[in-house]
N, C-alpha and C. Protein backbone atom coordinates (compact mmCIF):
# COMPACT_ATOMS: atom_id res chain seq x y z
N MET A 1 9.46 -42.26 4.17
CA MET A 1 9.07 -40.99 4.80
C MET A 1 8.16 -40.21 3.86
N GLU A 2 7.02 -39.77 4.36
CA GLU A 2 6.05 -39.05 3.54
C GLU A 2 6.49 -37.62 3.30
N ASN A 3 6.18 -37.12 2.09
CA ASN A 3 6.46 -35.72 1.80
C ASN A 3 5.46 -34.83 2.51
N THR A 4 5.94 -33.82 3.18
CA THR A 4 5.07 -32.89 3.90
C THR A 4 4.91 -31.62 3.07
N LYS A 5 3.69 -31.30 2.73
CA LYS A 5 3.42 -30.10 1.93
C LYS A 5 3.51 -28.87 2.82
N ILE A 6 4.30 -27.91 2.41
CA ILE A 6 4.46 -26.67 3.17
C ILE A 6 3.27 -25.76 2.89
N GLN A 7 2.63 -25.29 3.95
CA GLN A 7 1.49 -24.39 3.76
C GLN A 7 1.94 -23.12 3.04
N ASP A 8 1.12 -22.67 2.09
CA ASP A 8 1.55 -21.57 1.23
C ASP A 8 0.96 -20.22 1.64
N TYR A 9 0.45 -20.12 2.84
CA TYR A 9 -0.07 -18.85 3.33
C TYR A 9 -0.04 -18.82 4.86
N ILE A 10 -0.17 -17.61 5.40
CA ILE A 10 -0.21 -17.42 6.84
C ILE A 10 -1.67 -17.29 7.27
N GLU A 11 -2.07 -18.06 8.25
CA GLU A 11 -3.46 -18.02 8.71
C GLU A 11 -3.68 -16.80 9.60
N SER A 12 -4.88 -16.23 9.49
CA SER A 12 -5.25 -15.08 10.33
C SER A 12 -6.76 -15.02 10.43
N ASN A 13 -7.25 -14.18 11.33
CA ASN A 13 -8.69 -14.01 11.46
C ASN A 13 -9.01 -12.59 11.89
N GLN A 14 -10.25 -12.21 11.72
CA GLN A 14 -10.65 -10.83 11.98
C GLN A 14 -10.43 -10.42 13.43
N GLN A 15 -10.75 -11.31 14.35
CA GLN A 15 -10.59 -10.98 15.77
C GLN A 15 -9.14 -10.66 16.09
N GLN A 16 -8.23 -11.47 15.57
CA GLN A 16 -6.80 -11.24 15.79
C GLN A 16 -6.37 -9.87 15.26
N TRP A 17 -6.80 -9.54 14.03
CA TRP A 17 -6.44 -8.26 13.43
C TRP A 17 -7.02 -7.10 14.23
N ASP A 18 -8.26 -7.22 14.65
CA ASP A 18 -8.90 -6.14 15.40
C ASP A 18 -8.17 -5.89 16.72
N GLU A 19 -7.80 -6.95 17.40
CA GLU A 19 -7.09 -6.81 18.67
C GLU A 19 -5.73 -6.15 18.46
N GLU A 20 -5.06 -6.52 17.37
CA GLU A 20 -3.73 -5.95 17.11
C GLU A 20 -3.82 -4.47 16.74
N TYR A 21 -4.84 -4.08 15.97
CA TYR A 21 -5.00 -2.66 15.65
C TYR A 21 -5.37 -1.86 16.88
N LYS A 22 -6.20 -2.42 17.73
CA LYS A 22 -6.57 -1.74 18.98
C LYS A 22 -5.36 -1.56 19.89
N SER A 23 -4.44 -2.52 19.82
CA SER A 23 -3.23 -2.48 20.67
C SER A 23 -2.07 -1.73 20.01
N ASN A 24 -2.34 -1.10 18.87
CA ASN A 24 -1.34 -0.29 18.15
C ASN A 24 -0.15 -1.10 17.64
N VAL A 25 -0.36 -2.40 17.43
CA VAL A 25 0.72 -3.26 16.95
C VAL A 25 1.23 -2.81 15.58
N TRP A 26 0.30 -2.30 14.75
CA TRP A 26 0.65 -1.96 13.37
C TRP A 26 0.94 -0.47 13.15
N ASP A 27 1.09 0.27 14.23
CA ASP A 27 1.38 1.71 14.09
C ASP A 27 2.68 1.96 13.34
N TYR A 28 3.63 1.03 13.45
CA TYR A 28 4.94 1.23 12.81
C TYR A 28 4.84 1.33 11.29
N LEU A 29 3.72 0.89 10.72
CA LEU A 29 3.58 0.95 9.27
C LEU A 29 3.60 2.37 8.73
N SER A 30 3.34 3.32 9.60
CA SER A 30 3.38 4.73 9.18
C SER A 30 4.73 5.38 9.50
N ASP A 31 5.70 4.59 9.99
CA ASP A 31 7.03 5.12 10.31
C ASP A 31 7.82 5.39 9.03
N ILE A 32 8.88 6.16 9.17
CA ILE A 32 9.72 6.51 8.03
C ILE A 32 10.40 5.27 7.43
N THR A 33 10.59 4.21 8.24
CA THR A 33 11.23 2.99 7.75
C THR A 33 10.41 2.31 6.66
N GLU A 34 9.11 2.59 6.61
CA GLU A 34 8.23 1.97 5.60
C GLU A 34 8.03 2.88 4.38
N TYR A 35 8.51 4.12 4.47
CA TYR A 35 8.15 5.12 3.48
C TYR A 35 8.69 4.81 2.08
N ALA A 36 9.91 4.27 2.01
CA ALA A 36 10.50 3.97 0.70
C ALA A 36 9.67 2.92 -0.03
N ARG A 37 9.23 1.91 0.70
CA ARG A 37 8.40 0.85 0.09
C ARG A 37 7.10 1.45 -0.44
N TYR A 38 6.44 2.24 0.38
CA TYR A 38 5.20 2.87 -0.05
C TYR A 38 5.44 3.79 -1.25
N SER A 39 6.60 4.41 -1.29
CA SER A 39 6.91 5.33 -2.38
C SER A 39 7.02 4.61 -3.72
N VAL A 40 7.59 3.40 -3.71
CA VAL A 40 7.68 2.61 -4.93
C VAL A 40 6.29 2.20 -5.39
N VAL A 41 5.48 1.72 -4.44
CA VAL A 41 4.10 1.34 -4.77
C VAL A 41 3.35 2.54 -5.36
N TYR A 42 3.52 3.68 -4.72
CA TYR A 42 2.83 4.89 -5.19
C TYR A 42 3.33 5.33 -6.56
N GLY A 43 4.62 5.14 -6.81
CA GLY A 43 5.18 5.50 -8.12
C GLY A 43 4.51 4.72 -9.24
N TYR A 44 4.28 3.44 -9.02
CA TYR A 44 3.59 2.63 -10.03
C TYR A 44 2.15 3.11 -10.21
N ILE A 45 1.52 3.49 -9.10
CA ILE A 45 0.15 4.01 -9.19
C ILE A 45 0.12 5.26 -10.05
N ARG A 46 1.06 6.17 -9.81
CA ARG A 46 1.12 7.42 -10.59
C ARG A 46 1.28 7.14 -12.07
N LYS A 47 2.00 6.09 -12.40
CA LYS A 47 2.26 5.74 -13.80
C LYS A 47 1.02 5.18 -14.49
N PHE A 48 0.23 4.39 -13.77
CA PHE A 48 -0.83 3.63 -14.43
C PHE A 48 -2.25 4.07 -14.09
N ILE A 49 -2.43 4.94 -13.12
CA ILE A 49 -3.79 5.35 -12.78
C ILE A 49 -4.41 6.14 -13.93
N ALA A 50 -5.70 5.88 -14.18
CA ALA A 50 -6.43 6.60 -15.22
C ALA A 50 -7.79 7.01 -14.65
N GLU A 51 -8.86 6.60 -15.31
CA GLU A 51 -10.19 7.06 -14.89
C GLU A 51 -10.86 6.15 -13.86
N GLU A 52 -10.40 4.90 -13.76
CA GLU A 52 -11.15 3.93 -12.94
C GLU A 52 -10.59 3.74 -11.54
N GLY A 53 -9.43 4.32 -11.25
CA GLY A 53 -8.96 4.38 -9.88
C GLY A 53 -8.24 3.15 -9.36
N ILE A 54 -8.19 3.05 -8.03
CA ILE A 54 -7.34 2.10 -7.31
C ILE A 54 -8.18 1.23 -6.38
N LEU A 55 -7.89 -0.06 -6.37
CA LEU A 55 -8.43 -0.97 -5.36
C LEU A 55 -7.27 -1.38 -4.46
N ASP A 56 -7.37 -1.05 -3.19
CA ASP A 56 -6.30 -1.26 -2.21
C ASP A 56 -6.69 -2.42 -1.30
N MET A 57 -6.20 -3.62 -1.63
CA MET A 57 -6.57 -4.81 -0.87
C MET A 57 -5.60 -5.01 0.29
N GLY A 58 -6.14 -4.87 1.50
CA GLY A 58 -5.31 -4.88 2.69
C GLY A 58 -4.89 -3.47 3.02
N CYS A 59 -5.88 -2.56 2.96
CA CYS A 59 -5.59 -1.12 3.08
C CYS A 59 -5.22 -0.68 4.49
N GLY A 60 -5.51 -1.51 5.50
CA GLY A 60 -5.22 -1.12 6.87
C GLY A 60 -5.92 0.17 7.25
N THR A 61 -5.18 1.07 7.84
CA THR A 61 -5.76 2.34 8.30
C THR A 61 -5.73 3.43 7.24
N GLY A 62 -5.38 3.06 6.01
CA GLY A 62 -5.41 4.02 4.91
C GLY A 62 -4.12 4.78 4.70
N ILE A 63 -2.98 4.15 4.97
CA ILE A 63 -1.70 4.82 4.83
C ILE A 63 -1.42 5.17 3.36
N LEU A 64 -1.71 4.23 2.46
CA LEU A 64 -1.51 4.51 1.04
C LEU A 64 -2.47 5.61 0.57
N TYR A 65 -3.68 5.59 1.05
CA TYR A 65 -4.67 6.62 0.72
C TYR A 65 -4.15 8.00 1.09
N ASP A 66 -3.47 8.10 2.23
CA ASP A 66 -2.92 9.39 2.68
C ASP A 66 -1.90 9.96 1.70
N MET A 67 -1.23 9.09 0.94
CA MET A 67 -0.19 9.54 0.02
C MET A 67 -0.76 10.07 -1.30
N LEU A 68 -2.00 9.73 -1.59
CA LEU A 68 -2.58 10.07 -2.89
C LEU A 68 -2.92 11.55 -3.01
N LEU A 69 -2.79 12.07 -4.21
CA LEU A 69 -3.31 13.40 -4.50
C LEU A 69 -4.83 13.34 -4.47
N ASP A 70 -5.47 14.49 -4.29
CA ASP A 70 -6.93 14.52 -4.23
C ASP A 70 -7.55 13.90 -5.48
N SER A 71 -6.97 14.20 -6.63
CA SER A 71 -7.50 13.66 -7.88
C SER A 71 -7.35 12.14 -7.96
N GLU A 72 -6.31 11.60 -7.30
CA GLU A 72 -6.08 10.15 -7.31
C GLU A 72 -6.99 9.42 -6.34
N LYS A 73 -7.56 10.16 -5.39
CA LYS A 73 -8.47 9.55 -4.43
C LYS A 73 -9.84 9.28 -5.04
N GLU A 74 -10.11 9.93 -6.19
CA GLU A 74 -11.36 9.65 -6.90
C GLU A 74 -11.28 8.24 -7.48
N GLY A 75 -12.25 7.43 -7.19
CA GLY A 75 -12.23 6.06 -7.69
C GLY A 75 -11.47 5.09 -6.81
N TYR A 76 -10.93 5.59 -5.68
CA TYR A 76 -10.21 4.72 -4.74
C TYR A 76 -11.20 3.90 -3.90
N ALA A 77 -10.84 2.65 -3.63
CA ALA A 77 -11.57 1.81 -2.68
C ALA A 77 -10.56 1.02 -1.87
N GLY A 78 -10.75 0.99 -0.56
CA GLY A 78 -9.87 0.24 0.32
C GLY A 78 -10.63 -0.87 1.02
N VAL A 79 -10.01 -2.05 1.09
CA VAL A 79 -10.64 -3.21 1.71
C VAL A 79 -9.66 -3.83 2.71
N ASP A 80 -10.18 -4.15 3.89
CA ASP A 80 -9.34 -4.80 4.90
C ASP A 80 -10.20 -5.72 5.75
N LEU A 81 -9.59 -6.79 6.26
CA LEU A 81 -10.31 -7.75 7.08
C LEU A 81 -10.67 -7.17 8.45
N SER A 82 -9.87 -6.23 8.93
CA SER A 82 -10.06 -5.69 10.27
C SER A 82 -11.10 -4.57 10.31
N GLN A 83 -12.14 -4.77 11.08
CA GLN A 83 -13.14 -3.71 11.27
C GLN A 83 -12.54 -2.51 11.98
N GLU A 84 -11.59 -2.78 12.87
CA GLU A 84 -10.94 -1.70 13.61
C GLU A 84 -10.12 -0.82 12.67
N ALA A 85 -9.39 -1.44 11.75
CA ALA A 85 -8.60 -0.68 10.78
C ALA A 85 -9.51 0.13 9.87
N ILE A 86 -10.61 -0.45 9.43
CA ILE A 86 -11.54 0.25 8.56
C ILE A 86 -12.18 1.43 9.28
N LYS A 87 -12.42 1.27 10.55
CA LYS A 87 -12.97 2.38 11.34
C LYS A 87 -11.99 3.55 11.36
N MET A 88 -10.71 3.27 11.56
CA MET A 88 -9.69 4.32 11.58
C MET A 88 -9.55 4.97 10.20
N ALA A 89 -9.54 4.13 9.16
CA ALA A 89 -9.39 4.66 7.80
C ALA A 89 -10.59 5.51 7.41
N SER A 90 -11.78 5.07 7.78
CA SER A 90 -13.01 5.77 7.40
C SER A 90 -13.10 7.16 8.01
N ALA A 91 -12.39 7.36 9.13
CA ALA A 91 -12.40 8.67 9.78
C ALA A 91 -11.66 9.72 8.96
N LYS A 92 -10.95 9.30 7.92
CA LYS A 92 -10.16 10.22 7.10
C LYS A 92 -10.97 10.87 5.98
N THR A 93 -12.19 10.38 5.76
CA THR A 93 -12.99 10.91 4.65
C THR A 93 -14.47 10.73 4.95
N SER A 94 -15.27 11.58 4.36
CA SER A 94 -16.72 11.46 4.51
C SER A 94 -17.30 10.48 3.49
N LYS A 95 -16.48 10.05 2.54
CA LYS A 95 -16.95 9.14 1.50
C LYS A 95 -16.91 7.69 1.99
N ASN A 96 -17.83 6.90 1.51
CA ASN A 96 -17.91 5.50 1.89
C ASN A 96 -17.01 4.66 0.97
N ILE A 97 -15.71 4.76 1.19
CA ILE A 97 -14.76 4.11 0.29
C ILE A 97 -13.93 3.03 0.96
N PHE A 98 -14.04 2.88 2.26
CA PHE A 98 -13.33 1.83 2.99
C PHE A 98 -14.32 0.77 3.43
N HIS A 99 -13.96 -0.49 3.14
CA HIS A 99 -14.90 -1.57 3.38
C HIS A 99 -14.21 -2.74 4.07
N CYS A 100 -14.94 -3.40 4.95
CA CYS A 100 -14.43 -4.59 5.62
C CYS A 100 -14.71 -5.81 4.75
N GLY A 101 -13.66 -6.57 4.45
CA GLY A 101 -13.84 -7.74 3.60
C GLY A 101 -12.63 -8.65 3.67
N ASP A 102 -12.85 -9.91 3.33
CA ASP A 102 -11.81 -10.93 3.32
C ASP A 102 -11.21 -11.01 1.92
N ILE A 103 -9.92 -10.83 1.82
CA ILE A 103 -9.23 -10.85 0.54
C ILE A 103 -9.49 -12.13 -0.25
N ASN A 104 -9.76 -13.22 0.46
CA ASN A 104 -9.99 -14.51 -0.19
C ASN A 104 -11.41 -14.68 -0.70
N GLN A 105 -12.31 -13.78 -0.31
CA GLN A 105 -13.71 -13.91 -0.70
C GLN A 105 -14.27 -12.66 -1.37
N TYR A 106 -13.59 -11.55 -1.23
CA TYR A 106 -14.10 -10.27 -1.74
C TYR A 106 -14.23 -10.29 -3.27
N VAL A 107 -15.33 -9.73 -3.74
CA VAL A 107 -15.56 -9.61 -5.19
C VAL A 107 -15.72 -8.12 -5.51
N PRO A 108 -14.81 -7.54 -6.27
CA PRO A 108 -14.92 -6.11 -6.62
C PRO A 108 -16.21 -5.82 -7.38
N GLY A 109 -16.70 -4.61 -7.19
CA GLY A 109 -17.94 -4.22 -7.83
C GLY A 109 -17.75 -3.51 -9.16
N LYS A 110 -16.48 -3.31 -9.56
CA LYS A 110 -16.19 -2.60 -10.79
C LYS A 110 -14.76 -2.92 -11.23
N GLN A 111 -14.35 -2.35 -12.35
CA GLN A 111 -12.96 -2.49 -12.79
C GLN A 111 -12.12 -1.34 -12.27
N TYR A 112 -10.83 -1.60 -12.13
CA TYR A 112 -9.88 -0.60 -11.64
C TYR A 112 -8.65 -0.55 -12.55
N ASP A 113 -7.98 0.60 -12.51
CA ASP A 113 -6.72 0.75 -13.23
C ASP A 113 -5.58 0.03 -12.53
N VAL A 114 -5.61 0.08 -11.20
CA VAL A 114 -4.54 -0.52 -10.38
C VAL A 114 -5.17 -1.25 -9.20
N ILE A 115 -4.75 -2.49 -9.00
CA ILE A 115 -5.12 -3.22 -7.79
C ILE A 115 -3.85 -3.47 -7.00
N VAL A 116 -3.84 -3.01 -5.75
CA VAL A 116 -2.66 -3.08 -4.90
C VAL A 116 -2.85 -4.15 -3.82
N PHE A 117 -1.84 -4.99 -3.70
CA PHE A 117 -1.79 -5.97 -2.61
C PHE A 117 -0.57 -5.60 -1.76
N ASN A 118 -0.81 -4.76 -0.78
CA ASN A 118 0.25 -4.18 0.02
C ASN A 118 0.44 -5.02 1.30
N GLU A 119 1.37 -5.98 1.24
CA GLU A 119 1.62 -6.88 2.38
C GLU A 119 0.38 -7.70 2.73
N SER A 120 -0.41 -8.06 1.73
CA SER A 120 -1.63 -8.83 2.00
C SER A 120 -1.66 -10.21 1.35
N LEU A 121 -0.78 -10.46 0.38
CA LEU A 121 -0.77 -11.76 -0.27
C LEU A 121 -0.23 -12.86 0.64
N HIS A 122 0.38 -12.47 1.77
CA HIS A 122 0.84 -13.46 2.75
C HIS A 122 -0.31 -14.38 3.18
N TYR A 123 -1.53 -13.84 3.15
CA TYR A 123 -2.68 -14.51 3.74
C TYR A 123 -3.57 -15.17 2.69
N VAL A 124 -3.01 -15.38 1.49
CA VAL A 124 -3.77 -15.92 0.36
C VAL A 124 -3.21 -17.27 -0.06
N PRO A 125 -4.01 -18.34 0.01
CA PRO A 125 -3.56 -19.61 -0.55
C PRO A 125 -3.66 -19.57 -2.07
N ASN A 126 -2.78 -20.32 -2.73
CA ASN A 126 -2.77 -20.40 -4.20
C ASN A 126 -2.76 -19.00 -4.81
N THR A 127 -1.69 -18.29 -4.59
CA THR A 127 -1.58 -16.89 -4.99
C THR A 127 -1.86 -16.62 -6.47
N PRO A 128 -1.27 -17.39 -7.41
CA PRO A 128 -1.55 -17.09 -8.82
C PRO A 128 -3.03 -17.16 -9.17
N SER A 129 -3.74 -18.14 -8.62
CA SER A 129 -5.17 -18.28 -8.89
C SER A 129 -5.96 -17.09 -8.38
N LYS A 130 -5.62 -16.63 -7.18
CA LYS A 130 -6.33 -15.48 -6.60
C LYS A 130 -6.01 -14.20 -7.37
N LEU A 131 -4.77 -14.03 -7.77
CA LEU A 131 -4.41 -12.86 -8.57
C LEU A 131 -5.14 -12.88 -9.91
N LEU A 132 -5.29 -14.07 -10.48
CA LEU A 132 -6.01 -14.19 -11.74
C LEU A 132 -7.47 -13.78 -11.56
N ASP A 133 -8.07 -14.19 -10.43
CA ASP A 133 -9.45 -13.78 -10.13
C ASP A 133 -9.57 -12.26 -10.11
N TYR A 134 -8.65 -11.62 -9.39
CA TYR A 134 -8.70 -10.16 -9.26
C TYR A 134 -8.38 -9.47 -10.59
N SER A 135 -7.56 -10.09 -11.41
CA SER A 135 -7.18 -9.46 -12.68
C SER A 135 -8.38 -9.31 -13.61
N ASN A 136 -9.42 -10.06 -13.37
CA ASN A 136 -10.65 -9.92 -14.16
C ASN A 136 -11.35 -8.58 -13.90
N TYR A 137 -10.90 -7.90 -12.86
CA TYR A 137 -11.50 -6.60 -12.50
C TYR A 137 -10.53 -5.45 -12.77
N LEU A 138 -9.59 -5.71 -13.69
CA LEU A 138 -8.69 -4.66 -14.16
C LEU A 138 -9.18 -4.13 -15.50
N THR A 139 -8.92 -2.86 -15.74
CA THR A 139 -9.17 -2.28 -17.06
C THR A 139 -8.20 -2.92 -18.06
N PRO A 140 -8.41 -2.75 -19.36
CA PRO A 140 -7.51 -3.38 -20.36
C PRO A 140 -6.04 -3.06 -20.15
N ASN A 141 -5.74 -1.88 -19.67
CA ASN A 141 -4.34 -1.51 -19.41
C ASN A 141 -3.99 -1.58 -17.92
N GLY A 142 -4.87 -2.21 -17.15
CA GLY A 142 -4.70 -2.24 -15.70
C GLY A 142 -3.56 -3.15 -15.24
N VAL A 143 -3.05 -2.86 -14.04
CA VAL A 143 -1.92 -3.61 -13.49
C VAL A 143 -2.17 -3.97 -12.03
N ILE A 144 -1.41 -4.95 -11.57
CA ILE A 144 -1.39 -5.36 -10.17
C ILE A 144 -0.06 -4.94 -9.58
N VAL A 145 -0.10 -4.35 -8.39
CA VAL A 145 1.12 -4.01 -7.65
C VAL A 145 1.13 -4.82 -6.36
N SER A 146 2.18 -5.56 -6.15
CA SER A 146 2.30 -6.40 -4.96
C SER A 146 3.55 -6.03 -4.18
N SER A 147 3.39 -5.89 -2.86
CA SER A 147 4.53 -5.67 -1.97
C SER A 147 4.56 -6.81 -0.96
N LEU A 148 5.71 -7.47 -0.85
CA LEU A 148 5.87 -8.59 0.07
C LEU A 148 7.12 -8.40 0.92
N TYR A 149 6.95 -8.49 2.23
CA TYR A 149 8.07 -8.35 3.16
C TYR A 149 8.88 -9.64 3.22
N SER A 150 10.19 -9.53 3.13
CA SER A 150 11.08 -10.68 3.23
C SER A 150 11.63 -10.74 4.66
N HIS A 151 11.25 -11.76 5.39
CA HIS A 151 11.64 -11.88 6.80
C HIS A 151 13.15 -11.98 6.96
N LYS A 152 13.64 -11.37 8.03
CA LYS A 152 15.09 -11.40 8.29
C LYS A 152 15.58 -12.82 8.55
N ASN A 153 14.79 -13.57 9.31
CA ASN A 153 15.16 -14.92 9.70
C ASN A 153 14.80 -15.91 8.58
N THR A 154 15.82 -16.38 7.89
CA THR A 154 15.56 -17.28 6.75
C THR A 154 15.05 -18.65 7.21
N GLN A 155 15.12 -18.92 8.51
CA GLN A 155 14.59 -20.17 9.05
C GLN A 155 13.11 -20.05 9.41
N ASP A 156 12.60 -18.82 9.38
CA ASP A 156 11.19 -18.59 9.69
C ASP A 156 10.32 -19.15 8.58
N ALA A 157 9.24 -19.83 8.95
CA ALA A 157 8.35 -20.41 7.96
C ALA A 157 7.78 -19.33 7.03
N ALA A 158 7.57 -18.12 7.58
CA ALA A 158 7.02 -17.03 6.78
C ALA A 158 7.99 -16.63 5.67
N TYR A 159 9.28 -16.74 5.91
CA TYR A 159 10.28 -16.43 4.88
C TYR A 159 10.10 -17.37 3.69
N THR A 160 9.98 -18.65 3.97
CA THR A 160 9.80 -19.65 2.91
C THR A 160 8.50 -19.42 2.16
N ILE A 161 7.44 -19.09 2.87
CA ILE A 161 6.15 -18.83 2.25
C ILE A 161 6.26 -17.70 1.23
N ILE A 162 6.92 -16.62 1.64
CA ILE A 162 7.05 -15.45 0.75
C ILE A 162 7.92 -15.78 -0.45
N GLU A 163 9.04 -16.45 -0.23
CA GLU A 163 9.92 -16.82 -1.34
C GLU A 163 9.17 -17.70 -2.35
N ASN A 164 8.36 -18.62 -1.84
CA ASN A 164 7.58 -19.49 -2.72
C ASN A 164 6.52 -18.71 -3.49
N LYS A 165 5.90 -17.74 -2.82
CA LYS A 165 4.88 -16.92 -3.49
C LYS A 165 5.49 -16.13 -4.65
N ILE A 166 6.66 -15.57 -4.40
CA ILE A 166 7.34 -14.80 -5.44
C ILE A 166 7.64 -15.68 -6.65
N GLU A 167 8.14 -16.89 -6.39
CA GLU A 167 8.44 -17.82 -7.47
C GLU A 167 7.17 -18.19 -8.24
N GLU A 168 6.08 -18.40 -7.52
CA GLU A 168 4.80 -18.74 -8.16
C GLU A 168 4.32 -17.61 -9.06
N MET A 169 4.36 -16.39 -8.54
CA MET A 169 3.90 -15.24 -9.32
C MET A 169 4.70 -15.07 -10.61
N GLU A 170 6.00 -15.26 -10.49
CA GLU A 170 6.89 -15.01 -11.63
C GLU A 170 6.87 -16.14 -12.66
N GLN A 171 6.58 -17.37 -12.22
CA GLN A 171 6.72 -18.52 -13.11
C GLN A 171 5.40 -19.20 -13.47
N CYS A 172 4.28 -18.67 -12.99
CA CYS A 172 2.99 -19.32 -13.25
C CYS A 172 2.56 -19.21 -14.70
N GLY A 173 3.12 -18.23 -15.44
CA GLY A 173 2.77 -18.07 -16.84
C GLY A 173 1.51 -17.28 -17.09
N LEU A 174 0.90 -16.76 -16.03
CA LEU A 174 -0.36 -16.02 -16.15
C LEU A 174 -0.14 -14.52 -16.29
N PHE A 175 1.04 -14.05 -15.85
CA PHE A 175 1.29 -12.61 -15.80
C PHE A 175 2.65 -12.27 -16.40
N ASP A 176 2.69 -11.11 -17.02
CA ASP A 176 3.97 -10.51 -17.39
C ASP A 176 4.48 -9.72 -16.19
N VAL A 177 5.74 -9.93 -15.84
CA VAL A 177 6.36 -9.14 -14.77
C VAL A 177 6.93 -7.88 -15.43
N LEU A 178 6.16 -6.80 -15.37
CA LEU A 178 6.60 -5.56 -16.01
C LEU A 178 7.78 -4.94 -15.28
N ASP A 179 7.83 -5.18 -13.97
CA ASP A 179 8.93 -4.65 -13.17
C ASP A 179 9.00 -5.41 -11.86
N LYS A 180 10.19 -5.48 -11.30
CA LYS A 180 10.40 -6.09 -9.98
C LYS A 180 11.48 -5.29 -9.28
N VAL A 181 11.19 -4.85 -8.07
CA VAL A 181 12.12 -4.01 -7.32
C VAL A 181 12.30 -4.59 -5.92
N SER A 182 13.53 -4.60 -5.45
CA SER A 182 13.81 -4.92 -4.06
C SER A 182 14.13 -3.63 -3.32
N VAL A 183 13.48 -3.42 -2.20
CA VAL A 183 13.75 -2.24 -1.37
C VAL A 183 14.36 -2.72 -0.07
N PHE A 184 15.55 -2.19 0.26
CA PHE A 184 16.21 -2.57 1.51
C PHE A 184 16.46 -1.33 2.35
N ASN A 185 15.93 -1.33 3.56
CA ASN A 185 16.15 -0.23 4.49
C ASN A 185 17.36 -0.59 5.37
N HIS A 186 18.46 0.12 5.15
CA HIS A 186 19.70 -0.22 5.85
C HIS A 186 19.62 0.10 7.33
N ASN A 187 18.92 1.15 7.69
CA ASN A 187 18.81 1.51 9.11
C ASN A 187 18.05 0.45 9.90
N ALA A 188 16.97 -0.06 9.31
CA ALA A 188 16.12 -1.01 10.03
C ALA A 188 16.42 -2.46 9.67
N GLY A 189 17.20 -2.67 8.60
CA GLY A 189 17.49 -4.03 8.17
C GLY A 189 16.28 -4.75 7.60
N LEU A 190 15.40 -4.00 6.94
CA LEU A 190 14.16 -4.56 6.40
C LEU A 190 14.22 -4.61 4.88
N LYS A 191 13.62 -5.66 4.31
CA LYS A 191 13.64 -5.84 2.86
C LYS A 191 12.26 -6.22 2.35
N TRP A 192 11.91 -5.63 1.20
CA TRP A 192 10.63 -5.95 0.55
C TRP A 192 10.86 -6.23 -0.93
N TYR A 193 10.00 -7.05 -1.49
CA TYR A 193 9.94 -7.27 -2.93
C TYR A 193 8.66 -6.63 -3.46
N ILE A 194 8.79 -5.82 -4.49
CA ILE A 194 7.63 -5.16 -5.07
C ILE A 194 7.55 -5.55 -6.55
N HIS A 195 6.41 -6.11 -6.92
CA HIS A 195 6.18 -6.57 -8.29
C HIS A 195 5.13 -5.73 -8.98
N LEU A 196 5.34 -5.49 -10.26
CA LEU A 196 4.35 -4.87 -11.13
C LEU A 196 3.95 -5.92 -12.16
N LEU A 197 2.69 -6.35 -12.11
CA LEU A 197 2.22 -7.45 -12.93
C LEU A 197 1.10 -7.03 -13.86
N LYS A 198 1.08 -7.63 -15.03
CA LYS A 198 -0.01 -7.41 -15.98
C LYS A 198 -0.45 -8.77 -16.51
N LYS A 199 -1.74 -9.00 -16.50
CA LYS A 199 -2.27 -10.27 -16.99
C LYS A 199 -1.91 -10.46 -18.46
N LYS A 200 -1.44 -11.66 -18.79
CA LYS A 200 -1.06 -11.95 -20.17
C LYS A 200 -2.31 -12.06 -21.05
N ASN A 201 -2.18 -11.60 -22.27
CA ASN A 201 -3.26 -11.76 -23.24
C ASN A 201 -3.22 -13.19 -23.76
N VAL A 202 -4.36 -13.86 -23.69
CA VAL A 202 -4.41 -15.25 -24.15
C VAL A 202 -5.43 -15.40 -25.26
């Protein structure tokens, strides 16, 4: 019997994302059930933000941007695959800071203090390699913040994908895990893993 390699990411495309944003599928991300997770992500940002700002990969409609203080919005850039999401996010500011782009192909134009992957690493093959690529655009003291949803159904393929990604990030030897937090919402029965990573000095 041949060994079957488990795919290490969830496939998606721009048309699918645009249709889902138009249909309000992702409106729940701004619900109170998601607030604790966003608060942990934001707490790390508050700790490490300096002069070069934040790169928000998978920014959606700009929910994380809404949480930032005005001073923290300076140097912010948000990137999402969905043109529809970027249109909604762009309506929040007159600045050209939200951009449509594929997380697997996007190349930052500058260095940042914090790069956030907020529920977006699900769609990235070979996660450690891609994180290493992005880490080249961090300031010397810069960090990566990752949030990954843990599916309720442990038989779901997405659950296995996320568990494998977490193991890869922690054991690849490329990053120091400065912190790792599990957030569990008892009312909704939802769980997330949030990692704070720093590229190792080699």
